[in-house]
PDB file of all heavy atoms in Angstrom:
ATOM      1  N   LYS A   1      74.777   1.279 127.955  1.00  0.00           N
ATOM      2  CA  LYS A   1      75.661   0.105 127.821  1.00  0.00           C
ATOM      3  C   LYS A   1      75.088  -0.968 126.835  1.00  0.00           C
ATOM      4  O   LYS A   1      75.780  -1.886 126.516  1.00  0.00           O
ATOM      5  CB  LYS A   1      75.788  -0.626 129.261  1.00  0.00           C
ATOM      6  CG  LYS A   1      76.637   0.331 130.127  1.00  0.00           C
ATOM      7  CD  LYS A   1      77.072  -0.489 131.460  1.00  0.00           C
ATOM      8  CE  LYS A   1      75.968  -0.754 132.289  1.00  0.00           C
ATOM      9  NZ  LYS A   1      76.386  -1.362 133.642  1.00  0.00           N
ATOM     10  N   ASP A   2      73.854  -0.747 126.346  1.00  0.00           N
ATOM     11  CA  ASP A   2      73.307  -1.563 125.273  1.00  0.00           C
ATOM     12  C   ASP A   2      74.007  -1.132 123.962  1.00  0.00           C
ATOM     13  O   ASP A   2      73.846  -1.925 122.980  1.00  0.00           O
ATOM     14  CB  ASP A   2      71.806  -1.394 125.194  1.00  0.00           C
ATOM     15  CG  ASP A   2      71.097  -1.894 126.348  1.00  0.00           C
ATOM     16  OD1 ASP A   2      71.585  -2.779 127.077  1.00  0.00           O
ATOM     17  OD2 ASP A   2      69.835  -1.515 126.605  1.00  0.00           O
ATOM     18  N   PHE A   3      74.589  -0.004 123.837  1.00  0.00           N
ATOM     19  CA  PHE A   3      75.112   0.426 122.643  1.00  0.00           C
ATOM     20  C   PHE A   3      76.670   0.531 122.672  1.00  0.00           C
ATOM     21  O   PHE A   3      77.278   0.578 121.583  1.00  0.00           O
ATOM     22  CB  PHE A   3      74.489   1.872 122.319  1.00  0.00           C
ATOM     23  CG  PHE A   3      73.078   1.868 122.240  1.00  0.00           C
ATOM     24  CD1 PHE A   3      72.280   2.426 123.276  1.00  0.00           C
ATOM     25  CD2 PHE A   3      72.304   1.301 121.140  1.00  0.00           C
ATOM     26  CE1 PHE A   3      70.869   2.379 123.179  1.00  0.00           C
ATOM     27  CE2 PHE A   3      71.011   1.236 121.119  1.00  0.00           C
ATOM     28  CZ  PHE A   3      70.251   1.813 122.130  1.00  0.00           C
ATOM     29  N   PHE A   4      77.308   0.773 123.815  1.00  0.00           N
ATOM     30  CA  PHE A   4      78.641   0.916 123.943  1.00  0.00           C
ATOM     31  C   PHE A   4      79.151   0.251 125.135  1.00  0.00           C
ATOM     32  O   PHE A   4      78.400  -0.021 126.184  1.00  0.00           O
ATOM     33  CB  PHE A   4      79.031   2.425 124.182  1.00  0.00           C
ATOM     34  CG  PHE A   4      78.510   3.328 123.066  1.00  0.00           C
ATOM     35  CD1 PHE A   4      77.439   4.193 123.345  1.00  0.00           C
ATOM     36  CD2 PHE A   4      79.084   3.430 121.844  1.00  0.00           C
ATOM     37  CE1 PHE A   4      76.868   5.001 122.317  1.00  0.00           C
ATOM     38  CE2 PHE A   4      78.610   4.277 120.835  1.00  0.00           C
ATOM     39  CZ  PHE A   4      77.480   5.023 121.035  1.00  0.00           C
ATOM     40  N   PRO A   5      80.394  -0.169 125.161  1.00  0.00           N
ATOM     41  CA  PRO A   5      80.881  -0.961 126.319  1.00  0.00           C
ATOM     42  C   PRO A   5      80.916   0.034 127.524  1.00  0.00           C
ATOM     43  O   PRO A   5      81.011   1.289 127.405  1.00  0.00           O
ATOM     44  CB  PRO A   5      82.429  -1.210 125.907  1.00  0.00           C
ATOM     45  CG  PRO A   5      82.458  -1.185 124.410  1.00  0.00           C
ATOM     46  CD  PRO A   5      81.429  -0.242 124.060  1.00  0.00           C
ATOM     47  N   SER A   6      80.861  -0.514 128.747  1.00  0.00           N
ATOM     48  CA  SER A   6      80.811   0.341 129.955  1.00  0.00           C
ATOM     49  C   SER A   6      82.067   1.212 130.064  1.00  0.00           C
ATOM     50  O   SER A   6      82.068   2.237 130.700  1.00  0.00           O
ATOM     51  CB  SER A   6      80.571  -0.471 131.090  1.00  0.00           C
ATOM     52  OG  SER A   6      81.495  -1.487 131.431  1.00  0.00           O
ATOM     53  N   LYS A   7      83.141   0.653 129.577  1.00  0.00           N
ATOM     54  CA  LYS A   7      84.525   1.442 129.693  1.00  0.00           C
ATOM     55  C   LYS A   7      85.192   1.195 128.367  1.00  0.00           C
ATOM     56  O   LYS A   7      85.436   0.099 127.884  1.00  0.00           O
ATOM     57  CB  LYS A   7      85.237   0.867 130.799  1.00  0.00           C
ATOM     58  CG  LYS A   7      86.461   1.575 131.188  1.00  0.00           C
ATOM     59  CD  LYS A   7      87.205   1.066 132.457  1.00  0.00           C
ATOM     60  CE  LYS A   7      88.352   1.771 132.740  1.00  0.00           C
ATOM     61  NZ  LYS A   7      88.975   1.264 134.045  1.00  0.00           N
ATOM     62  N   LEU A   8      85.580   2.236 127.810  1.00  0.00           N
ATOM     63  CA  LEU A   8      86.291   2.153 126.394  1.00  0.00           C
ATOM     64  C   LEU A   8      87.262   3.267 126.307  1.00  0.00           C
ATOM     65  O   LEU A   8      87.057   4.483 126.656  1.00  0.00           O
ATOM     66  CB  LEU A   8      85.178   2.503 125.286  1.00  0.00           C
ATOM     67  CG  LEU A   8      85.465   2.406 123.962  1.00  0.00           C
ATOM     68  CD1 LEU A   8      86.038   1.054 123.506  1.00  0.00           C
ATOM     69  CD2 LEU A   8      84.265   2.793 123.100  1.00  0.00           C
ATOM     70  N   GLU A   9      88.430   2.904 125.906  1.00  0.00           N
ATOM     71  CA  GLU A   9      89.615   3.933 125.569  1.00  0.00           C
ATOM     72  C   GLU A   9      89.511   4.300 124.116  1.00  0.00           C
ATOM     73  O   GLU A   9      89.401   3.413 123.294  1.00  0.00           O
ATOM     74  CB  GLU A   9      90.874   3.286 125.967  1.00  0.00           C
ATOM     75  CG  GLU A   9      91.909   4.359 125.894  1.00  0.00           C
ATOM     76  CD  GLU A   9      93.278   3.932 126.478  1.00  0.00           C
ATOM     77  OE1 GLU A   9      93.370   3.690 127.738  1.00  0.00           O
ATOM     78  OE2 GLU A   9      94.168   3.688 125.602  1.00  0.00           O
ATOM     79  N   LEU A  10      89.297   5.592 123.894  1.00  0.00           N
ATOM     80  CA  LEU A  10      89.207   6.110 122.473  1.00  0.00           C
ATOM     81  C   LEU A  10      90.421   7.065 122.181  1.00  0.00           C
ATOM     82  O   LEU A  10      90.858   7.776 122.990  1.00  0.00           O
ATOM     83  CB  LEU A  10      87.946   6.890 122.406  1.00  0.00           C
ATOM     84  CG  LEU A  10      86.647   6.218 122.442  1.00  0.00           C
ATOM     85  CD1 LEU A  10      85.460   7.195 122.377  1.00  0.00           C
ATOM     86  CD2 LEU A  10      86.485   5.153 121.305  1.00  0.00           C
ATOM     87  N   VAL A  11      90.928   6.858 120.985  1.00  0.00           N
ATOM     88  CA  VAL A  11      91.922   7.749 120.405  1.00  0.00           C
ATOM     89  C   VAL A  11      91.170   8.544 119.285  1.00  0.00           C
ATOM     90  O   VAL A  11      90.708   8.001 118.353  1.00  0.00           O
ATOM     91  CB  VAL A  11      93.139   6.982 119.947  1.00  0.00           C
ATOM     92  CG1 VAL A  11      94.003   8.002 119.232  1.00  0.00           C
ATOM     93  CG2 VAL A  11      93.826   6.093 120.980  1.00  0.00           C
ATOM     94  N   LEU A  12      90.982   9.819 119.562  1.00  0.00           N
ATOM     95  CA  LEU A  12      90.212  10.720 118.714  1.00  0.00           C
ATOM     96  C   LEU A  12      91.072  11.690 117.909  1.00  0.00           C
ATOM     97  O   LEU A  12      91.881  12.305 118.521  1.00  0.00           O
ATOM     98  CB  LEU A  12      89.148  11.407 119.503  1.00  0.00           C
ATOM     99  CG  LEU A  12      88.295  10.486 120.395  1.00  0.00           C
ATOM    100  CD1 LEU A  12      87.511  11.418 121.335  1.00  0.00           C
ATOM    101  CD2 LEU A  12      87.317   9.678 119.606  1.00  0.00           C
ATOM    102  N   ASP A  13      90.785  11.770 116.619  1.00  0.00           N
ATOM    103  CA  ASP A  13      91.426  12.784 115.797  1.00  0.00           C
ATOM    104  C   ASP A  13      90.414  13.734 115.317  1.00  0.00           C
ATOM    105  O   ASP A  13      89.384  13.256 114.956  1.00  0.00           O
ATOM    106  CB  ASP A  13      92.092  12.174 114.595  1.00  0.00           C
ATOM    107  CG  ASP A  13      93.432  11.468 114.978  1.00  0.00           C
ATOM    108  OD1 ASP A  13      94.077  11.807 115.882  1.00  0.00           O
ATOM    109  OD2 ASP A  13      93.656  10.378 114.410  1.00  0.00           O
ATOM    110  N   GLY A  14      90.626  14.982 115.384  1.00  0.00           N
ATOM    111  CA  GLY A  14      89.614  16.031 114.885  1.00  0.00           C
ATOM    112  C   GLY A  14      88.387  16.185 115.849  1.00  0.00           C
ATOM    113  O   GLY A  14      87.445  16.873 115.494  1.00  0.00           O
ATOM    114  N   ILE A  15      88.481  15.521 117.028  1.00  0.00           N
ATOM    115  CA  ILE A  15      87.351  15.757 117.974  1.00  0.00           C
ATOM    116  C   ILE A  15      87.787  16.679 119.028  1.00  0.00           C
ATOM    117  O   ILE A  15      88.746  16.256 119.858  1.00  0.00           O
ATOM    118  CB  ILE A  15      86.935  14.392 118.566  1.00  0.00           C
ATOM    119  CG1 ILE A  15      86.623  13.336 117.491  1.00  0.00           C
ATOM    120  CG2 ILE A  15      85.810  14.543 119.612  1.00  0.00           C
ATOM    121  CD1 ILE A  15      85.384  13.637 116.590  1.00  0.00           C
ATOM    122  N   HIS A  16      87.163  17.811 119.164  1.00  0.00           N
ATOM    123  CA  HIS A  16      87.637  18.893 120.107  1.00  0.00           C
ATOM    124  C   HIS A  16      86.672  19.307 121.244  1.00  0.00           C
ATOM    125  O   HIS A  16      87.016  19.701 122.265  1.00  0.00           O
ATOM    126  CB  HIS A  16      88.053  20.053 119.413  1.00  0.00           C
ATOM    127  CG  HIS A  16      89.070  19.872 118.357  1.00  0.00           C
ATOM    128  ND1 HIS A  16      90.448  19.550 118.651  1.00  0.00           N
ATOM    129  CD2 HIS A  16      89.035  19.742 116.954  1.00  0.00           C
ATOM    130  CE1 HIS A  16      91.092  19.368 117.483  1.00  0.00           C
ATOM    131  NE2 HIS A  16      90.184  19.506 116.539  1.00  0.00           N
ATOM    132  N   THR A  17      85.414  19.059 120.945  1.00  0.00           N
ATOM    133  CA  THR A  17      84.325  19.561 121.970  1.00  0.00           C
ATOM    134  C   THR A  17      83.420  18.311 122.218  1.00  0.00           C
ATOM    135  O   THR A  17      83.479  17.306 121.531  1.00  0.00           O
ATOM    136  CB  THR A  17      83.485  20.615 121.307  1.00  0.00           C
ATOM    137  OG1 THR A  17      82.720  20.102 120.199  1.00  0.00           O
ATOM    138  CG2 THR A  17      84.271  21.764 120.909  1.00  0.00           C
ATOM    139  N   VAL A  18      82.600  18.506 123.255  1.00  0.00           N
ATOM    140  CA  VAL A  18      81.719  17.497 123.645  1.00  0.00           C
ATOM    141  C   VAL A  18      80.707  17.293 122.515  1.00  0.00           C
ATOM    142  O   VAL A  18      80.277  16.039 122.204  1.00  0.00           O
ATOM    143  CB  VAL A  18      81.006  18.027 124.904  1.00  0.00           C
ATOM    144  CG1 VAL A  18      79.727  17.093 125.230  1.00  0.00           C
ATOM    145  CG2 VAL A  18      81.824  18.113 126.090  1.00  0.00           C
ATOM    146  N   SER A  19      80.251  18.338 121.848  1.00  0.00           N
ATOM    147  CA  SER A  19      79.371  18.262 120.751  1.00  0.00           C
ATOM    148  C   SER A  19      80.084  17.358 119.693  1.00  0.00           C
ATOM    149  O   SER A  19      79.334  16.472 118.954  1.00  0.00           O
ATOM    150  CB  SER A  19      79.095  19.598 120.057  1.00  0.00           C
ATOM    151  OG  SER A  19      78.187  19.437 119.081  1.00  0.00           O
ATOM    152  N   ASP A  20      81.321  17.502 119.324  1.00  0.00           N
ATOM    153  CA  ASP A  20      82.014  16.680 118.371  1.00  0.00           C
ATOM    154  C   ASP A  20      82.019  15.185 118.810  1.00  0.00           C
ATOM    155  O   ASP A  20      81.878  14.293 117.984  1.00  0.00           O
ATOM    156  CB  ASP A  20      83.514  17.052 118.192  1.00  0.00           C
ATOM    157  CG  ASP A  20      83.705  18.445 117.650  1.00  0.00           C
ATOM    158  OD1 ASP A  20      82.878  18.950 116.938  1.00  0.00           O
ATOM    159  OD2 ASP A  20      84.834  18.991 117.901  1.00  0.00           O
ATOM    160  N   LEU A  21      82.250  15.024 120.048  1.00  0.00           N
ATOM    161  CA  LEU A  21      82.199  13.587 120.565  1.00  0.00           C
ATOM    162  C   LEU A  21      80.838  12.964 120.428  1.00  0.00           C
ATOM    163  O   LEU A  21      80.697  11.795 120.015  1.00  0.00           O
ATOM    164  CB  LEU A  21      82.641  13.625 122.085  1.00  0.00           C
ATOM    165  CG  LEU A  21      82.589  12.203 122.799  1.00  0.00           C
ATOM    166  CD1 LEU A  21      83.529  11.226 122.131  1.00  0.00           C
ATOM    167  CD2 LEU A  21      82.868  12.434 124.220  1.00  0.00           C
ATOM    168  N   LYS A  22      79.760  13.751 120.747  1.00  0.00           N
ATOM    169  CA  LYS A  22      78.398  13.190 120.564  1.00  0.00           C
ATOM    170  C   LYS A  22      78.199  12.721 119.113  1.00  0.00           C
ATOM    171  O   LYS A  22      77.593  11.647 118.820  1.00  0.00           O
ATOM    172  CB  LYS A  22      77.397  14.208 121.016  1.00  0.00           C
ATOM    173  CG  LYS A  22      77.253  14.328 122.527  1.00  0.00           C
ATOM    174  CD  LYS A  22      76.132  15.296 122.889  1.00  0.00           C
ATOM    175  CE  LYS A  22      75.769  15.327 124.365  1.00  0.00           C
ATOM    176  NZ  LYS A  22      74.708  16.212 124.625  1.00  0.00           N
ATOM    177  N   LEU A  23      78.574  13.639 118.169  1.00  0.00           N
ATOM    178  CA  LEU A  23      78.419  13.315 116.781  1.00  0.00           C
ATOM    179  C   LEU A  23      79.227  11.976 116.456  1.00  0.00           C
ATOM    180  O   LEU A  23      78.706  11.144 115.683  1.00  0.00           O
ATOM    181  CB  LEU A  23      78.838  14.425 115.930  1.00  0.00           C
ATOM    182  CG  LEU A  23      78.689  14.244 114.439  1.00  0.00           C
ATOM    183  CD1 LEU A  23      77.326  13.969 113.993  1.00  0.00           C
ATOM    184  CD2 LEU A  23      79.160  15.551 113.712  1.00  0.00           C
ATOM    185  N   TYR A  24      80.422  11.905 116.856  1.00  0.00           N
ATOM    186  CA  TYR A  24      81.298  10.773 116.710  1.00  0.00           C
ATOM    187  C   TYR A  24      80.590   9.480 117.197  1.00  0.00           C
ATOM    188  O   TYR A  24      80.539   8.501 116.413  1.00  0.00           O
ATOM    189  CB  TYR A  24      82.640  11.000 117.412  1.00  0.00           C
ATOM    190  CG  TYR A  24      83.534   9.767 117.357  1.00  0.00           C
ATOM    191  CD1 TYR A  24      84.308   9.470 116.279  1.00  0.00           C
ATOM    192  CD2 TYR A  24      83.476   8.883 118.488  1.00  0.00           C
ATOM    193  CE1 TYR A  24      85.144   8.322 116.281  1.00  0.00           C
ATOM    194  CE2 TYR A  24      84.429   7.697 118.468  1.00  0.00           C
ATOM    195  CZ  TYR A  24      85.143   7.497 117.233  1.00  0.00           C
ATOM    196  OH  TYR A  24      85.931   6.332 117.343  1.00  0.00           O
ATOM    197  N   LEU A  25      80.025   9.566 118.355  1.00  0.00           N
ATOM    198  CA  LEU A  25      79.292   8.435 118.901  1.00  0.00           C
ATOM    199  C   LEU A  25      78.076   8.078 118.270  1.00  0.00           C
ATOM    200  O   LEU A  25      77.809   6.931 118.082  1.00  0.00           O
ATOM    201  CB  LEU A  25      79.062   8.658 120.416  1.00  0.00           C
ATOM    202  CG  LEU A  25      80.239   8.740 121.266  1.00  0.00           C
ATOM    203  CD1 LEU A  25      79.870   9.221 122.816  1.00  0.00           C
ATOM    204  CD2 LEU A  25      81.104   7.419 121.379  1.00  0.00           C
ATOM    205  N   ARG A  26      77.322   9.107 117.669  1.00  0.00           N
ATOM    206  CA  ARG A  26      76.158   8.871 116.963  1.00  0.00           C
ATOM    207  C   ARG A  26      76.616   8.197 115.651  1.00  0.00           C
ATOM    208  O   ARG A  26      75.837   7.178 115.176  1.00  0.00           O
ATOM    209  CB  ARG A  26      75.482  10.063 116.598  1.00  0.00           C
ATOM    210  CG  ARG A  26      74.716  10.682 117.729  1.00  0.00           C
ATOM    211  CD  ARG A  26      73.924  12.027 117.362  1.00  0.00           C
ATOM    212  NE  ARG A  26      73.668  12.714 118.510  1.00  0.00           N
ATOM    213  CZ  ARG A  26      73.860  14.033 118.486  1.00  0.00           C
ATOM    214  NH1 ARG A  26      74.045  14.770 117.460  1.00  0.00           N
ATOM    215  NH2 ARG A  26      73.762  14.701 119.678  1.00  0.00           N
ATOM    216  N   ASN A  27      77.630   8.533 115.039  1.00  0.00           N
ATOM    217  CA  ASN A  27      78.102   7.910 113.809  1.00  0.00           C
ATOM    218  C   ASN A  27      78.601   6.488 114.046  1.00  0.00           C
ATOM    219  O   ASN A  27      78.496   5.540 113.307  1.00  0.00           O
ATOM    220  CB  ASN A  27      79.167   8.660 113.098  1.00  0.00           C
ATOM    221  CG  ASN A  27      78.652   9.886 112.538  1.00  0.00           C
ATOM    222  OD1 ASN A  27      77.498  10.021 112.086  1.00  0.00           O
ATOM    223  ND2 ASN A  27      79.510  10.945 112.387  1.00  0.00           N
ATOM    224  N   LEU A  28      79.171   6.234 115.333  1.00  0.00           N
ATOM    225  CA  LEU A  28      79.746   4.957 115.628  1.00  0.00           C
ATOM    226  C   LEU A  28      78.656   4.024 115.747  1.00  0.00           C
ATOM    227  O   LEU A  28      78.742   2.804 115.438  1.00  0.00           O
ATOM    228  CB  LEU A  28      80.532   5.085 116.980  1.00  0.00           C
ATOM    229  CG  LEU A  28      81.381   3.872 117.419  1.00  0.00           C
ATOM    230  CD1 LEU A  28      82.428   3.605 116.334  1.00  0.00           C
ATOM    231  CD2 LEU A  28      82.052   4.240 118.751  1.00  0.00           C
ATOM    232  N   ASN A  29      77.477   4.521 116.376  1.00  0.00           N
ATOM    233  CA  ASN A  29      76.301   3.564 116.704  1.00  0.00           C
ATOM    234  C   ASN A  29      75.101   4.359 116.539  1.00  0.00           C
ATOM    235  O   ASN A  29      74.582   4.942 117.429  1.00  0.00           O
ATOM    236  CB  ASN A  29      76.362   2.908 117.981  1.00  0.00           C
ATOM    237  CG  ASN A  29      75.267   1.802 118.121  1.00  0.00           C
ATOM    238  OD1 ASN A  29      74.256   1.848 117.471  1.00  0.00           O
ATOM    239  ND2 ASN A  29      75.630   0.858 119.014  1.00  0.00           N
ATOM    240  N   PRO A  30      74.549   4.533 115.256  1.00  0.00           N
ATOM    241  CA  PRO A  30      73.353   5.394 115.016  1.00  0.00           C
ATOM    242  C   PRO A  30      72.075   5.041 115.962  1.00  0.00           C
ATOM    243  O   PRO A  30      71.289   5.879 116.146  1.00  0.00           O
ATOM    244  CB  PRO A  30      73.105   5.152 113.559  1.00  0.00           C
ATOM    245  CG  PRO A  30      74.301   4.693 112.991  1.00  0.00           C
ATOM    246  CD  PRO A  30      74.954   3.846 114.111  1.00  0.00           C
ATOM    247  N   GLU A  31      72.001   3.796 116.448  1.00  0.00           N
ATOM    248  CA  GLU A  31      70.916   3.321 117.267  1.00  0.00           C
ATOM    249  C   GLU A  31      70.866   4.051 118.562  1.00  0.00           C
ATOM    250  O   GLU A  31      69.821   4.188 119.254  1.00  0.00           O
ATOM    251  CB  GLU A  31      70.852   1.910 117.424  1.00  0.00           C
ATOM    252  CG  GLU A  31      70.561   1.128 116.036  1.00  0.00           C
ATOM    253  CD  GLU A  31      70.692  -0.380 116.228  1.00  0.00           C
ATOM    254  OE1 GLU A  31      70.643  -0.867 117.376  1.00  0.00           O
ATOM    255  OE2 GLU A  31      70.543  -1.067 115.268  1.00  0.00           O
ATOM    256  N   ALA A  32      71.999   4.557 119.023  1.00  0.00           N
ATOM    257  CA  ALA A  32      72.149   5.322 120.164  1.00  0.00           C
ATOM    258  C   ALA A  32      71.788   6.834 120.113  1.00  0.00           C
ATOM    259  O   ALA A  32      71.765   7.471 121.171  1.00  0.00           O
ATOM    260  CB  ALA A  32      73.573   5.126 120.806  1.00  0.00           C
ATOM    261  N   THR A  33      71.524   7.281 118.979  1.00  0.00           N
ATOM    262  CA  THR A  33      71.283   8.665 118.711  1.00  0.00           C
ATOM    263  C   THR A  33      70.213   9.336 119.610  1.00  0.00           C
ATOM    264  O   THR A  33      70.539  10.383 120.254  1.00  0.00           O
ATOM    265  CB  THR A  33      70.837   8.994 117.307  1.00  0.00           C
ATOM    266  OG1 THR A  33      71.883   8.593 116.446  1.00  0.00           O
ATOM    267  CG2 THR A  33      70.541  10.418 116.958  1.00  0.00           C
ATOM    268  N   ASN A  34      69.066   8.848 119.752  1.00  0.00           N
ATOM    269  CA  ASN A  34      68.067   9.443 120.611  1.00  0.00           C
ATOM    270  C   ASN A  34      68.502   9.423 122.059  1.00  0.00           C
ATOM    271  O   ASN A  34      68.224  10.426 122.744  1.00  0.00           O
ATOM    272  CB  ASN A  34      66.696   8.718 120.507  1.00  0.00           C
ATOM    273  CG  ASN A  34      66.059   8.955 119.160  1.00  0.00           C
ATOM    274  OD1 ASN A  34      66.330   9.892 118.521  1.00  0.00           O
ATOM    275  ND2 ASN A  34      65.266   7.973 118.718  1.00  0.00           N
ATOM    276  N   LEU A  35      69.074   8.456 122.515  1.00  0.00           N
ATOM    277  CA  LEU A  35      69.576   8.410 123.951  1.00  0.00           C
ATOM    278  C   LEU A  35      70.657   9.430 124.201  1.00  0.00           C
ATOM    279  O   LEU A  35      70.738  10.114 125.197  1.00  0.00           O
ATOM    280  CB  LEU A  35      69.922   6.965 124.367  1.00  0.00           C
ATOM    281  CG  LEU A  35      70.201   6.743 125.877  1.00  0.00           C
ATOM    282  CD1 LEU A  35      68.917   7.127 126.677  1.00  0.00           C
ATOM    283  CD2 LEU A  35      70.393   5.246 126.036  1.00  0.00           C
ATOM    284  N   LEU A  36      71.580   9.513 123.265  1.00  0.00           N
ATOM    285  CA  LEU A  36      72.706  10.485 123.277  1.00  0.00           C
ATOM    286  C   LEU A  36      72.229  11.901 123.366  1.00  0.00           C
ATOM    287  O   LEU A  36      72.771  12.740 124.046  1.00  0.00           O
ATOM    288  CB  LEU A  36      73.662  10.257 122.233  1.00  0.00           C
ATOM    289  CG  LEU A  36      74.558   9.015 122.143  1.00  0.00           C
ATOM    290  CD1 LEU A  36      75.301   8.800 120.915  1.00  0.00           C
ATOM    291  CD2 LEU A  36      75.573   9.171 123.391  1.00  0.00           C
ATOM    292  N   LYS A  37      71.068  12.213 122.618  1.00  0.00           N
ATOM    293  CA  LYS A  37      70.608  13.526 122.582  1.00  0.00           C
ATOM    294  C   LYS A  37      70.147  14.027 123.994  1.00  0.00           C
ATOM    295  O   LYS A  37      70.102  15.188 124.272  1.00  0.00           O
ATOM    296  CB  LYS A  37      69.449  13.697 121.601  1.00  0.00           C
ATOM    297  CG  LYS A  37      69.824  13.706 120.151  1.00  0.00           C
ATOM    298  CD  LYS A  37      68.673  13.744 119.346  1.00  0.00           C
ATOM    299  CE  LYS A  37      68.939  13.617 117.813  1.00  0.00           C
ATOM    300  NZ  LYS A  37      67.763  13.610 116.969  1.00  0.00           N
ATOM    301  N   ILE A  38      69.644  13.091 124.769  1.00  0.00           N
ATOM    302  CA  ILE A  38      69.086  13.496 126.113  1.00  0.00           C
ATOM    303  C   ILE A  38      69.952  13.206 127.168  1.00  0.00           C
ATOM    304  O   ILE A  38      69.644  13.302 128.431  1.00  0.00           O
ATOM    305  CB  ILE A  38      67.598  12.869 126.302  1.00  0.00           C
ATOM    306  CG1 ILE A  38      67.734  11.322 126.205  1.00  0.00           C
ATOM    307  CG2 ILE A  38      66.721  13.348 125.346  1.00  0.00           C
ATOM    308  CD1 ILE A  38      66.454  10.623 126.569  1.00  0.00           C
ATOM    309  N   SER A  39      71.195  12.691 126.976  1.00  0.00           N
ATOM    310  CA  SER A  39      72.124  12.318 128.030  1.00  0.00           C
ATOM    311  C   SER A  39      73.050  13.545 128.422  1.00  0.00           C
ATOM    312  O   SER A  39      73.334  14.434 127.656  1.00  0.00           O
ATOM    313  CB  SER A  39      73.018  11.238 127.504  1.00  0.00           C
ATOM    314  OG  SER A  39      72.420   9.969 127.403  1.00  0.00           O
TER     315      SER A  39
END
């Protein structure tokens, strides 16, 4: 929640898998990368 809102509605194009979503979120906020890797 330090990097993203606790609740967020996303409209995603070209995102099909969980892996794609993680990459999208890392690009959205690169500071969250390490935490996303272990979540």
